[in-house]
C-alpha atoms as a PDB file:
ATOM      1  CA  MET A   1     -21.951 -27.180  -1.792  1.00  0.00           C
ATOM      2  CA  ILE A   2     -22.088 -23.493  -2.623  1.00  0.00           C
ATOM      3  CA  LYS A   3     -23.510 -22.810  -6.106  1.00  0.00           C
ATOM      4  CA  LEU A   4     -21.623 -20.310  -8.239  1.00  0.00           C
ATOM      5  CA  THR A   5     -21.675 -19.328 -11.893  1.00  0.00           C
ATOM      6  CA  LYS A   6     -18.727 -20.440 -13.957  1.00  0.00           C
ATOM      7  CA  GLY A   7     -17.778 -16.798 -14.478  1.00  0.00           C
ATOM      8  CA  ILE A   8     -17.422 -16.133 -10.744  1.00  0.00           C
ATOM      9  CA  VAL A   9     -15.427 -19.288 -10.055  1.00  0.00           C
ATOM     10  CA  LEU A  10     -13.179 -18.805 -13.076  1.00  0.00           C
ATOM     11  CA  SER A  11     -12.463 -15.174 -12.141  1.00  0.00           C
ATOM     12  CA  SER A  12     -11.817 -16.199  -8.542  1.00  0.00           C
ATOM     13  CA  VAL A  13      -9.346 -18.925  -9.451  1.00  0.00           C
ATOM     14  CA  LEU A  14      -7.631 -16.859 -12.126  1.00  0.00           C
ATOM     15  CA  LEU A  15      -7.079 -13.929  -9.742  1.00  0.00           C
ATOM     16  CA  VAL A  16      -5.832 -16.098  -6.903  1.00  0.00           C
ATOM     17  CA  SER A  17      -3.576 -17.772  -9.468  1.00  0.00           C
ATOM     18  CA  CYS A  18      -1.786 -14.478  -9.987  1.00  0.00           C
ATOM     19  CA  ALA A  19      -0.371 -14.931  -6.497  1.00  0.00           C
ATOM     20  CA  ALA A  20       1.103 -18.293  -7.533  1.00  0.00           C
ATOM     21  CA  ASP A  21       4.317 -19.072  -9.335  1.00  0.00           C
ATOM     22  CA  GLY A  22       4.159 -20.571 -12.665  1.00  0.00           C
ATOM     23  CA  PRO A  23       0.970 -21.686 -14.410  1.00  0.00           C
ATOM     24  CA  ASN A  24       0.751 -20.510 -18.024  1.00  0.00           C
ATOM     25  CA  LEU A  25      -2.583 -19.661 -19.613  1.00  0.00           C
ATOM     26  CA  ASP A  26      -3.394 -23.311 -20.314  1.00  0.00           C
ATOM     27  CA  GLY A  27      -2.446 -24.233 -16.754  1.00  0.00           C
ATOM     28  CA  LEU A  28      -4.676 -21.534 -15.334  1.00  0.00           C
ATOM     29  CA  LYS A  29      -7.572 -22.785 -17.451  1.00  0.00           C
ATOM     30  CA  GLN A  30      -7.057 -26.327 -16.191  1.00  0.00           C
ATOM     31  CA  ALA A  31      -6.890 -25.074 -12.595  1.00  0.00           C
ATOM     32  CA  ALA A  32     -10.173 -23.248 -13.000  1.00  0.00           C
ATOM     33  CA  GLU A  33     -11.862 -26.180 -14.716  1.00  0.00           C
ATOM     34  CA  SER A  34     -10.693 -28.528 -11.976  1.00  0.00           C
ATOM     35  CA  VAL A  35     -12.976 -26.813  -9.435  1.00  0.00           C
ATOM     36  CA  LEU A  36     -16.046 -26.795 -11.702  1.00  0.00           C
ATOM     37  CA  SER A  37     -18.404 -29.694 -12.195  1.00  0.00           C
ATOM     38  CA  SER A  38     -19.405 -30.841 -15.631  1.00  0.00           C
ATOM     39  CA  ASP A  39     -23.034 -29.806 -15.043  1.00  0.00           C
ATOM     40  CA  GLY A  40     -22.179 -26.089 -15.203  1.00  0.00           C
ATOM     41  CA  GLY A  41     -21.452 -24.475 -11.885  1.00  0.00           C
ATOM     42  CA  SER A  42     -21.163 -26.562  -8.733  1.00  0.00           C
ATOM     43  CA  VAL A  43     -17.930 -26.628  -6.794  1.00  0.00           C
ATOM     44  CA  THR A  44     -17.345 -30.373  -6.555  1.00  0.00           C
ATOM     45  CA  GLY A  45     -13.587 -30.517  -6.032  1.00  0.00           C
ATOM     46  CA  PRO A  46     -11.762 -30.092  -2.747  1.00  0.00           C
ATOM     47  CA  LEU A  47     -11.766 -26.292  -3.023  1.00  0.00           C
ATOM     48  CA  SER A  48     -14.793 -24.316  -1.841  1.00  0.00           C
ATOM     49  CA  ILE A  49     -15.458 -20.620  -2.415  1.00  0.00           C
ATOM     50  CA  ASP A  50     -14.499 -20.061   1.224  1.00  0.00           C
ATOM     51  CA  GLU A  51     -11.097 -21.634   0.569  1.00  0.00           C
ATOM     52  CA  ILE A  52     -10.617 -19.576  -2.575  1.00  0.00           C
ATOM     53  CA  THR A  53     -11.516 -16.471  -0.545  1.00  0.00           C
ATOM     54  CA  ARG A  54      -8.976 -17.494   2.064  1.00  0.00           C
ATOM     55  CA  GLY A  55      -6.392 -17.762  -0.702  1.00  0.00           C
ATOM     56  CA  LEU A  56      -7.216 -14.210  -1.762  1.00  0.00           C
ATOM     57  CA  LYS A  57      -6.858 -12.996   1.809  1.00  0.00           C
ATOM     58  CA  GLU A  58      -3.441 -14.616   2.090  1.00  0.00           C
ATOM     59  CA  ALA A  59      -2.332 -13.108  -1.212  1.00  0.00           C
ATOM     60  CA  LEU A  60      -3.465  -9.632  -0.085  1.00  0.00           C
ATOM     61  CA  THR A  61      -1.817 -10.056   3.307  1.00  0.00           C
ATOM     62  CA  SER A  62       1.431 -10.933   1.584  1.00  0.00           C
ATOM     63  CA  GLY A  63       1.095  -8.040  -0.859  1.00  0.00           C
ATOM     64  CA  SER A  64       0.301  -5.395   1.751  1.00  0.00           C
ATOM     65  CA  SER A  65       3.107  -6.653   3.988  1.00  0.00           C
ATOM     66  CA  ALA A  66       5.512  -6.311   1.065  1.00  0.00           C
ATOM     67  CA  VAL A  67       4.432  -2.700   0.491  1.00  0.00           C
ATOM     68  CA  VAL A  68       4.823  -1.783   4.157  1.00  0.00           C
ATOM     69  CA  SER A  69       8.262  -3.427   4.279  1.00  0.00           C
ATOM     70  CA  GLN A  70       9.344  -1.611   1.121  1.00  0.00           C
ATOM     71  CA  LEU A  71       8.249   1.856   2.228  1.00  0.00           C
ATOM     72  CA  GLY A  72       9.253   1.388   5.853  1.00  0.00           C
ATOM     73  CA  ALA A  73      12.863   0.683   4.914  1.00  0.00           C
ATOM     74  CA  ALA A  74      15.664   3.239   4.647  1.00  0.00           C
ATOM     75  CA  ASN A  75      15.094   5.380   1.525  1.00  0.00           C
ATOM     76  CA  GLY A  76      11.645   3.825   1.096  1.00  0.00           C
ATOM     77  CA  PHE A  77      10.202   7.286   0.485  1.00  0.00           C
ATOM     78  CA  SER A  78      13.235   9.508   0.036  1.00  0.00           C
ATOM     79  CA  GLY A  79      14.804   7.278  -2.625  1.00  0.00           C
ATOM     80  CA  ASP A  80      11.650   6.806  -4.665  1.00  0.00           C
ATOM     81  CA  PRO A  81      10.714   9.624  -7.082  1.00  0.00           C
ATOM     82  CA  ALA A  82       7.163   8.278  -7.422  1.00  0.00           C
ATOM     83  CA  ILE A  83       6.277   8.876  -3.761  1.00  0.00           C
ATOM     84  CA  ARG A  84       9.044  11.073  -2.347  1.00  0.00           C
ATOM     85  CA  ILE A  85       7.419  13.612  -0.042  1.00  0.00           C
ATOM     86  CA  PRO A  86       8.042  17.202  -1.142  1.00  0.00           C
ATOM     87  CA  LEU A  87       8.100  20.189   1.132  1.00  0.00           C
ATOM     88  CA  PRO A  88       4.722  21.771   1.923  1.00  0.00           C
ATOM     89  CA  ALA A  89       3.797  24.396  -0.667  1.00  0.00           C
ATOM     90  CA  SER A  90       4.440  27.288   1.748  1.00  0.00           C
ATOM     91  CA  LEU A  91       7.995  26.075   2.342  1.00  0.00           C
ATOM     92  CA  VAL A  92       8.647  25.593  -1.364  1.00  0.00           C
ATOM     93  CA  LYS A  93       8.031  29.311  -1.834  1.00  0.00           C
ATOM     94  CA  ALA A  94      10.225  30.103   1.151  1.00  0.00           C
ATOM     95  CA  ARG A  95      13.013  27.906  -0.237  1.00  0.00           C
ATOM     96  CA  ASP A  96      12.957  29.854  -3.500  1.00  0.00           C
ATOM     97  CA  LEU A  97      13.577  33.048  -1.565  1.00  0.00           C
ATOM     98  CA  ALA A  98      16.137  31.448   0.763  1.00  0.00           C
ATOM     99  CA  SER A  99      18.116  30.081  -2.173  1.00  0.00           C
ATOM    100  CA  LYS A 100      18.996  33.626  -3.134  1.00  0.00           C
ATOM    101  CA  VAL A 101      20.978  33.975   0.073  1.00  0.00           C
ATOM    102  CA  GLY A 102      22.425  30.462   0.127  1.00  0.00           C
ATOM    103  CA  LEU A 103      20.025  28.889   2.624  1.00  0.00           C
ATOM    104  CA  GLU A 104      18.414  26.308   0.341  1.00  0.00           C
ATOM    105  CA  GLY A 105      20.459  23.538   1.961  1.00  0.00           C
ATOM    106  CA  SER A 106      18.447  23.780   5.169  1.00  0.00           C
ATOM    107  CA  PHE A 107      15.223  23.258   3.232  1.00  0.00           C
ATOM    108  CA  ASP A 108      16.681  20.267   1.404  1.00  0.00           C
ATOM    109  CA  GLU A 109      17.677  18.744   4.729  1.00  0.00           C
ATOM    110  CA  LEU A 110      14.165  19.266   6.088  1.00  0.00           C
ATOM    111  CA  GLU A 111      12.642  17.568   3.042  1.00  0.00           C
ATOM    112  CA  LEU A 112      14.852  14.540   3.637  1.00  0.00           C
ATOM    113  CA  LYS A 113      13.809  14.458   7.300  1.00  0.00           C
ATOM    114  CA  LEU A 114      10.123  14.491   6.331  1.00  0.00           C
ATOM    115  CA  ASN A 115      10.675  11.397   4.191  1.00  0.00           C
ATOM    116  CA  GLU A 116      12.610   9.688   6.956  1.00  0.00           C
ATOM    117  CA  ALA A 117       9.700  10.330   9.319  1.00  0.00           C
ATOM    118  CA  ALA A 118       7.305   8.651   6.859  1.00  0.00           C
ATOM    119  CA  GLU A 119       9.641   5.658   6.654  1.00  0.00           C
ATOM    120  CA  GLU A 120       9.703   5.472  10.434  1.00  0.00           C
ATOM    121  CA  ALA A 121       5.895   5.601  10.716  1.00  0.00           C
ATOM    122  CA  THR A 122       4.878   3.305   7.832  1.00  0.00           C
ATOM    123  CA  PRO A 123       5.412  -0.097   9.565  1.00  0.00           C
ATOM    124  CA  LYS A 124       2.604   0.823  11.962  1.00  0.00           C
ATOM    125  CA  ALA A 125       0.173   0.558   9.022  1.00  0.00           C
ATOM    126  CA  LYS A 126       0.685  -3.196   8.703  1.00  0.00           C
ATOM    127  CA  ALA A 127      -1.662  -4.157  11.536  1.00  0.00           C
ATOM    128  CA  LEU A 128      -4.441  -2.009  10.070  1.00  0.00           C
ATOM    129  CA  PHE A 129      -4.252  -3.757   6.709  1.00  0.00           C
ATOM    130  CA  VAL A 130      -4.049  -7.222   8.238  1.00  0.00           C
ATOM    131  CA  ASN A 131      -7.118  -6.495  10.362  1.00  0.00           C
ATOM    132  CA  ALA A 132      -9.035  -5.208   7.327  1.00  0.00           C
ATOM    133  CA  ILE A 133      -8.169  -8.343   5.369  1.00  0.00           C
ATOM    134  CA  GLN A 134      -9.178 -10.675   8.180  1.00  0.00           C
ATOM    135  CA  ALA A 135     -12.500  -8.833   8.518  1.00  0.00           C
ATOM    136  CA  MET A 136     -13.173  -9.260   4.792  1.00  0.00           C
ATOM    137  CA  SER A 137     -16.422 -11.106   4.087  1.00  0.00           C
ATOM    138  CA  VAL A 138     -17.091 -13.488   1.203  1.00  0.00           C
ATOM    139  CA  GLU A 139     -19.124 -10.717  -0.422  1.00  0.00           C
ATOM    140  CA  ASP A 140     -16.213  -8.271  -0.011  1.00  0.00           C
ATOM    141  CA  ALA A 141     -13.913 -10.839  -1.594  1.00  0.00           C
ATOM    142  CA  LYS A 142     -16.279 -11.410  -4.513  1.00  0.00           C
ATOM    143  CA  GLY A 143     -16.373  -7.667  -5.154  1.00  0.00           C
ATOM    144  CA  ILE A 144     -12.580  -7.525  -5.144  1.00  0.00           C
ATOM    145  CA  LEU A 145     -12.188 -10.613  -7.316  1.00  0.00           C
ATOM    146  CA  GLN A 146     -14.598  -9.323  -9.942  1.00  0.00           C
ATOM    147  CA  GLY A 147     -13.700  -5.657  -9.603  1.00  0.00           C
ATOM    148  CA  PRO A 148     -11.228  -3.378 -11.426  1.00  0.00           C
ATOM    149  CA  ASP A 149      -7.469  -3.499 -10.982  1.00  0.00           C
ATOM    150  CA  ASN A 150      -7.641  -1.285  -7.882  1.00  0.00           C
ATOM    151  CA  ALA A 151     -10.663  -2.879  -6.182  1.00  0.00           C
ATOM    152  CA  ALA A 152      -8.645  -4.218  -3.232  1.00  0.00           C
ATOM    153  CA  THR A 153      -6.819  -0.907  -2.825  1.00  0.00           C
ATOM    154  CA  GLU A 154     -10.114   0.957  -2.711  1.00  0.00           C
ATOM    155  CA  TYR A 155     -11.377  -1.596  -0.185  1.00  0.00           C
ATOM    156  CA  PHE A 156      -8.324  -0.847   1.967  1.00  0.00           C
ATOM    157  CA  ARG A 157      -8.792   2.895   1.526  1.00  0.00           C
ATOM    158  CA  GLY A 158     -12.443   2.687   2.557  1.00  0.00           C
ATOM    159  CA  LYS A 159     -11.775   0.435   5.552  1.00  0.00           C
ATOM    160  CA  THR A 160      -8.512   1.941   6.788  1.00  0.00           C
ATOM    161  CA  GLY A 161      -7.971   5.364   5.189  1.00  0.00           C
ATOM    162  CA  SER A 162      -9.248   7.586   7.988  1.00  0.00           C
ATOM    163  CA  GLN A 163      -7.963   5.176  10.650  1.00  0.00           C
ATOM    164  CA  LEU A 164      -4.562   5.117   9.013  1.00  0.00           C
ATOM    165  CA  GLN A 165      -4.224   8.886   9.067  1.00  0.00           C
ATOM    166  CA  ALA A 166      -5.545   9.159  12.638  1.00  0.00           C
ATOM    167  CA  GLN A 167      -3.205   6.466  13.938  1.00  0.00           C
ATOM    168  CA  MET A 168      -0.226   7.708  11.947  1.00  0.00           C
ATOM    169  CA  ARG A 169      -0.446  11.281  13.250  1.00  0.00           C
ATOM    170  CA  PRO A 170       1.000  10.698  16.750  1.00  0.00           C
ATOM    171  CA  ILE A 171       3.493   8.249  15.262  1.00  0.00           C
ATOM    172  CA  VAL A 172       4.608  10.837  12.716  1.00  0.00           C
ATOM    173  CA  ASP A 173       4.848  13.428  15.498  1.00  0.00           C
ATOM    174  CA  GLN A 174       7.267  11.163  17.320  1.00  0.00           C
ATOM    175  CA  ALA A 175       9.089  10.252  14.119  1.00  0.00           C
ATOM    176  CA  LEU A 176       9.609  13.898  13.169  1.00  0.00           C
ATOM    177  CA  ALA A 177      11.274  14.500  16.505  1.00  0.00           C
ATOM    178  CA  LYS A 178      13.260  11.252  16.340  1.00  0.00           C
ATOM    179  CA  VAL A 179      14.779  11.908  12.907  1.00  0.00           C
ATOM    180  CA  GLY A 180      15.531  15.541  13.738  1.00  0.00           C
ATOM    181  CA  ALA A 181      12.934  17.173  11.495  1.00  0.00           C
ATOM    182  CA  VAL A 182      11.576  19.378  14.277  1.00  0.00           C
ATOM    183  CA  SER A 183      14.977  20.781  15.237  1.00  0.00           C
ATOM    184  CA  THR A 184      15.881  21.174  11.562  1.00  0.00           C
ATOM    185  CA  PHE A 185      12.668  23.107  10.964  1.00  0.00           C
ATOM    186  CA  ASN A 186      13.238  25.377  13.949  1.00  0.00           C
ATOM    187  CA  GLN A 187      16.810  26.111  12.861  1.00  0.00           C
ATOM    188  CA  LEU A 188      15.605  26.743   9.325  1.00  0.00           C
ATOM    189  CA  LEU A 189      13.000  29.235  10.516  1.00  0.00           C
ATOM    190  CA  SER A 190      15.541  31.016  12.681  1.00  0.00           C
ATOM    191  CA  LYS A 191      17.807  31.546   9.670  1.00  0.00           C
ATOM    192  CA  TYR A 192      14.973  32.285   7.285  1.00  0.00           C
ATOM    193  CA  ASN A 193      13.417  34.915   9.539  1.00  0.00           C
ATOM    194  CA  ASN A 194      16.681  36.864   9.425  1.00  0.00           C
ATOM    195  CA  ILE A 195      16.219  37.438   5.701  1.00  0.00           C
ATOM    196  CA  PRO A 196      15.056  41.060   5.251  1.00  0.00           C
ATOM    197  CA  LEU A 197      11.382  41.350   4.292  1.00  0.00           C
ATOM    198  CA  ALA A 198      10.956  37.574   4.153  1.00  0.00           C
ATOM    199  CA  PRO A 199       7.240  36.677   4.382  1.00  0.00           C
ATOM    200  CA  LYS A 200       6.273  34.614   7.379  1.00  0.00           C
ATOM    201  CA  VAL A 201       5.895  30.893   6.812  1.00  0.00           C
ATOM    202  CA  ASP A 202       4.040  28.231   8.696  1.00  0.00           C
ATOM    203  CA  ALA A 203       3.489  24.557   7.978  1.00  0.00           C
ATOM    204  CA  ASP A 204       1.761  21.580   9.563  1.00  0.00           C
ATOM    205  CA  LEU A 205       4.631  19.160   9.086  1.00  0.00           C
ATOM    206  CA  THR A 206       2.811  16.285  10.777  1.00  0.00           C
ATOM    207  CA  GLY A 207      -0.340  16.651   8.712  1.00  0.00           C
ATOM    208  CA  HIS A 208       1.701  16.967   5.531  1.00  0.00           C
ATOM    209  CA  VAL A 209       3.697  13.807   6.187  1.00  0.00           C
ATOM    210  CA  VAL A 210       0.588  11.853   7.201  1.00  0.00           C
ATOM    211  CA  GLU A 211      -1.299  12.825   4.048  1.00  0.00           C
ATOM    212  CA  GLU A 212       1.593  12.341   1.643  1.00  0.00           C
ATOM    213  CA  GLY A 213       2.773   9.182   3.407  1.00  0.00           C
ATOM    214  CA  SER A 214      -0.625   7.485   3.308  1.00  0.00           C
ATOM    215  CA  GLU A 215      -0.989   8.370  -0.374  1.00  0.00           C
ATOM    216  CA  GLY A 216       2.389   6.746  -1.006  1.00  0.00           C
ATOM    217  CA  ILE A 217       1.217   3.584   0.744  1.00  0.00           C
ATOM    218  CA  PHE A 218      -1.987   3.401  -1.304  1.00  0.00           C
ATOM    219  CA  TYR A 219      -0.033   4.131  -4.494  1.00  0.00           C
ATOM    220  CA  TYR A 220       2.066   1.027  -4.009  1.00  0.00           C
ATOM    221  CA  LEU A 221      -0.860  -1.048  -2.781  1.00  0.00           C
ATOM    222  CA  ALA A 222      -2.455  -0.369  -6.171  1.00  0.00           C
ATOM    223  CA  GLN A 223       0.777  -1.403  -7.917  1.00  0.00           C
ATOM    224  CA  GLU A 224       0.964  -4.576  -5.840  1.00  0.00           C
ATOM    225  CA  GLU A 225      -2.674  -5.394  -6.521  1.00  0.00           C
ATOM    226  CA  LYS A 226      -2.130  -4.994 -10.261  1.00  0.00           C
ATOM    227  CA  ALA A 227       0.809  -7.379 -10.042  1.00  0.00           C
ATOM    228  CA  ILE A 228      -1.253  -9.906  -8.052  1.00  0.00           C
ATOM    229  CA  ARG A 229      -3.895  -9.804 -10.756  1.00  0.00           C
ATOM    230  CA  GLU A 230      -1.545  -9.960 -13.738  1.00  0.00           C
ATOM    231  CA  ASN A 231       1.828 -11.485 -12.867  1.00  0.00           C
ATOM    232  CA  PRO A 232       2.766 -14.841 -11.325  1.00  0.00           C
ATOM    233  CA  VAL A 233       4.688 -14.772  -8.036  1.00  0.00           C
ATOM    234  CA  LYS A 234       5.932 -17.544  -5.792  1.00  0.00           C
ATOM    235  CA  ARG A 235       3.459 -19.832  -4.063  1.00  0.00           C
ATOM    236  CA  THR A 236       4.035 -19.118  -0.410  1.00  0.00           C
ATOM    237  CA  THR A 237       0.956 -20.646   1.219  1.00  0.00           C
ATOM    238  CA  ASP A 238      -0.646 -24.068   1.365  1.00  0.00           C
ATOM    239  CA  ILE A 239      -3.965 -22.816   0.000  1.00  0.00           C
ATOM    240  CA  LEU A 240      -2.328 -21.431  -3.123  1.00  0.00           C
ATOM    241  CA  LYS A 241      -0.346 -24.636  -3.554  1.00  0.00           C
ATOM    242  CA  ARG A 242      -3.596 -26.598  -3.320  1.00  0.00           C
ATOM    243  CA  VAL A 243      -5.140 -24.496  -6.084  1.00  0.00           C
ATOM    244  CA  PHE A 244      -2.246 -25.180  -8.424  1.00  0.00           C
ATOM    245  CA  GLY A 245      -0.575 -28.229  -6.952  1.00  0.00           C
ATOM    246  CA  SER A 246      -2.002 -30.541  -9.586  1.00  0.00           C
ATOM    247  CA  GLN A 247      -0.404 -28.625 -12.431  1.00  0.00           C
END
């Protein structure tokens, strides 16, 4: 049997319990005590630390899948003020000038298209997160279990952040074309450049959407992680049911 301190086991069970539906504080205490021996630290019940870690992995898989589904849906970015992707700074200045001659509508349309491109690209992030979770070691899991509210999110960012942006870039390129952002941008520039003395504008639309889109994903991963740690949700896996099935 793997030896653990009571603090580690209690924190492990209490965190995994946040991905289960129902136990109150007394129930959570009983669940934690049920996997501790009376001599002060051995796991003597049917649950091992490996099984508790597996429960954490399943909870994180469910949570990250929920985030990807939420943001990859229609209006996932565009309809959410917290993560809606704005125009690049250079185009914000250009829109201010264009609004004086009634061309602001083209900029608003482009902004919507940028958000639609992020929604189109986001589902591709799911495999990256699932792979990172499956590669998680017991030590990684312990660090997440005992860490701050955003420990899992920072784990994801460290393991997938650069990969996510690299893999999203060609996807966003395709998405920008698919949703019409490229043609909208070209039409906008054609009209804008006809404004007398208008300063030239340029923008890396792909890079902007990749950066803002990935930040939106990590924003909601942090929200989901906080909920996993603090709020009960439905038991959707056998391992979580085993942790709390006796309650």
